């Protein structure tokens, strides 16, 4: 299985998690950078979610169409795609709950 079938779902999950960057508590050293980021991220939130959905669409194409009909898909590729889809949908539908969960995790 090509690595590109695994890269796009991971990219989708990462861009979805970037939409929550303004809500995560960090130490004082990162506060200045996060202050500037917290101004820019809410303005780009819709674009980042759209980019995440686009990455998921490309991942679906690479996983199911580009490999050929007779080729078996690896379980790791399907698992990575499923996890990325859950992250993207979770961040899209429940951004505040995911932000609270991540804030408690990194506190």
Protein backbone atom coordinates (compact mmCIF):
# COMPACT_ATOMS: atom_id res chain seq x y z
CA UNK A 1 0.00 0.00 0.00
CA UNK A 2 1.32 3.40 -0.90
CA UNK A 3 2.05 5.83 1.89
CA UNK A 4 0.04 8.55 0.17
CA UNK A 5 -3.16 6.70 1.11
CA UNK A 6 -2.17 7.21 4.75
CA UNK A 7 -0.88 10.78 4.48
CA UNK A 8 -4.07 12.53 3.37
CA UNK A 9 -6.25 11.33 6.28
CA UNK A 10 -3.53 12.33 8.74
CA UNK A 11 -3.30 15.75 7.07
CA UNK A 12 -7.08 16.09 7.39
CA UNK A 13 -6.96 15.33 11.10
CA UNK A 14 -4.07 17.74 11.69
CA UNK A 15 -5.76 20.63 9.89
CA UNK A 16 -8.97 19.97 11.83
CA UNK A 17 -7.04 20.05 15.12
CA UNK A 18 -5.37 23.32 14.09
CA UNK A 19 -8.78 24.98 14.32
CA UNK A 20 -8.60 24.46 18.09
CA UNK A 21 -5.14 25.98 18.51
CA UNK A 22 -6.53 29.16 20.01
CA UNK A 23 -8.21 27.27 22.84
CA UNK A 24 -5.32 25.20 24.19
CA UNK A 25 -3.50 26.34 27.33
CA UNK A 26 0.26 26.50 26.89
CA UNK A 27 3.16 27.72 28.97
CA UNK A 28 4.29 31.32 29.15
CA UNK A 29 7.00 30.83 26.52
CA UNK A 30 4.43 29.94 23.89
CA UNK A 31 1.94 32.59 24.99
CA UNK A 32 3.19 35.30 22.60
CA UNK A 33 2.98 33.05 19.57
CA UNK A 34 -0.38 31.66 20.62
CA UNK A 35 -1.72 35.19 21.14
CA UNK A 36 -1.06 36.00 17.51
CA UNK A 37 -2.31 32.58 16.44
CA UNK A 38 -5.52 32.97 18.47
CA UNK A 39 -6.34 36.04 16.41
CA UNK A 40 -5.74 34.38 13.05
CA UNK A 41 -7.19 30.89 13.64
CA UNK A 42 -10.83 31.86 14.25
CA UNK A 43 -10.78 33.79 10.99
CA UNK A 44 -9.42 30.74 9.16
CA UNK A 45 -11.53 28.11 10.96
CA UNK A 46 -13.99 27.57 8.11
CA UNK A 47 -11.18 27.33 5.58
CA UNK A 48 -9.28 24.82 7.72
CA UNK A 49 -12.39 22.64 8.14
CA UNK A 50 -12.98 22.83 4.39
CA UNK A 51 -9.37 21.86 3.77
CA UNK A 52 -9.76 18.95 6.18
CA UNK A 53 -12.84 17.72 4.33
CA UNK A 54 -11.00 18.07 1.03
CA UNK A 55 -8.10 16.01 2.40
CA UNK A 56 -10.57 13.35 3.54
CA UNK A 57 -12.12 13.27 0.06
CA UNK A 58 -8.68 12.83 -1.51
CA UNK A 59 -7.96 10.11 1.06
CA UNK A 60 -11.16 8.26 0.11
CA UNK A 61 -10.20 8.47 -3.55
CA UNK A 62 -6.69 7.20 -2.88
CA UNK A 63 -7.92 4.44 -0.63
CA UNK A 64 -10.74 3.07 -2.75
CA UNK A 65 -10.30 4.20 -6.35
CA UNK A 66 -6.64 4.78 -7.11
CA UNK A 67 -5.42 1.38 -5.88
CA UNK A 68 -7.30 -0.67 -8.43
CA UNK A 69 -10.32 -2.90 -8.01
CA UNK A 70 -8.47 -6.16 -7.39
CA UNK A 71 -5.96 -4.82 -4.92
CA UNK A 72 -6.51 -5.50 -1.22
CA UNK A 73 -6.47 -2.48 1.09
CA UNK A 74 -4.33 -2.69 4.19
CA UNK A 75 -6.01 -2.60 7.58
CA UNK A 76 -3.69 0.14 8.75
CA UNK A 77 -4.75 2.44 5.91
CA UNK A 78 -8.42 1.88 6.67
CA UNK A 79 -7.83 2.36 10.42
CA UNK A 80 -5.89 5.60 9.88
CA UNK A 81 -8.59 6.91 7.57
CA UNK A 82 -11.34 6.01 10.04
CA UNK A 83 -9.53 7.69 12.92
CA UNK A 84 -8.92 10.81 10.83
CA UNK A 85 -12.59 10.93 9.80
CA UNK A 86 -13.67 10.67 13.46
CA UNK A 87 -11.29 13.51 14.43
CA UNK A 88 -12.43 15.77 11.58
CA UNK A 89 -16.12 15.15 12.22
CA UNK A 90 -15.65 15.56 15.98
CA UNK A 91 -13.86 18.88 15.58
CA UNK A 92 -16.41 20.05 13.01
CA UNK A 93 -19.50 19.12 15.02
CA UNK A 94 -18.29 19.53 18.63
CA UNK A 95 -15.40 22.05 18.64
CA UNK A 96 -15.92 23.24 22.22
CA UNK A 97 -16.09 19.73 23.68
CA UNK A 98 -12.91 18.68 21.84
CA UNK A 99 -11.14 21.88 22.97
CA UNK A 100 -12.07 21.19 26.62
CA UNK A 101 -10.92 17.58 26.27
CA UNK A 102 -7.57 18.65 24.82
CA UNK A 103 -7.15 21.41 27.42
CA UNK A 104 -7.70 18.91 30.24
CA UNK A 105 -5.32 16.48 28.58
CA UNK A 106 -2.45 18.97 28.25
CA UNK A 107 -2.93 20.71 31.60
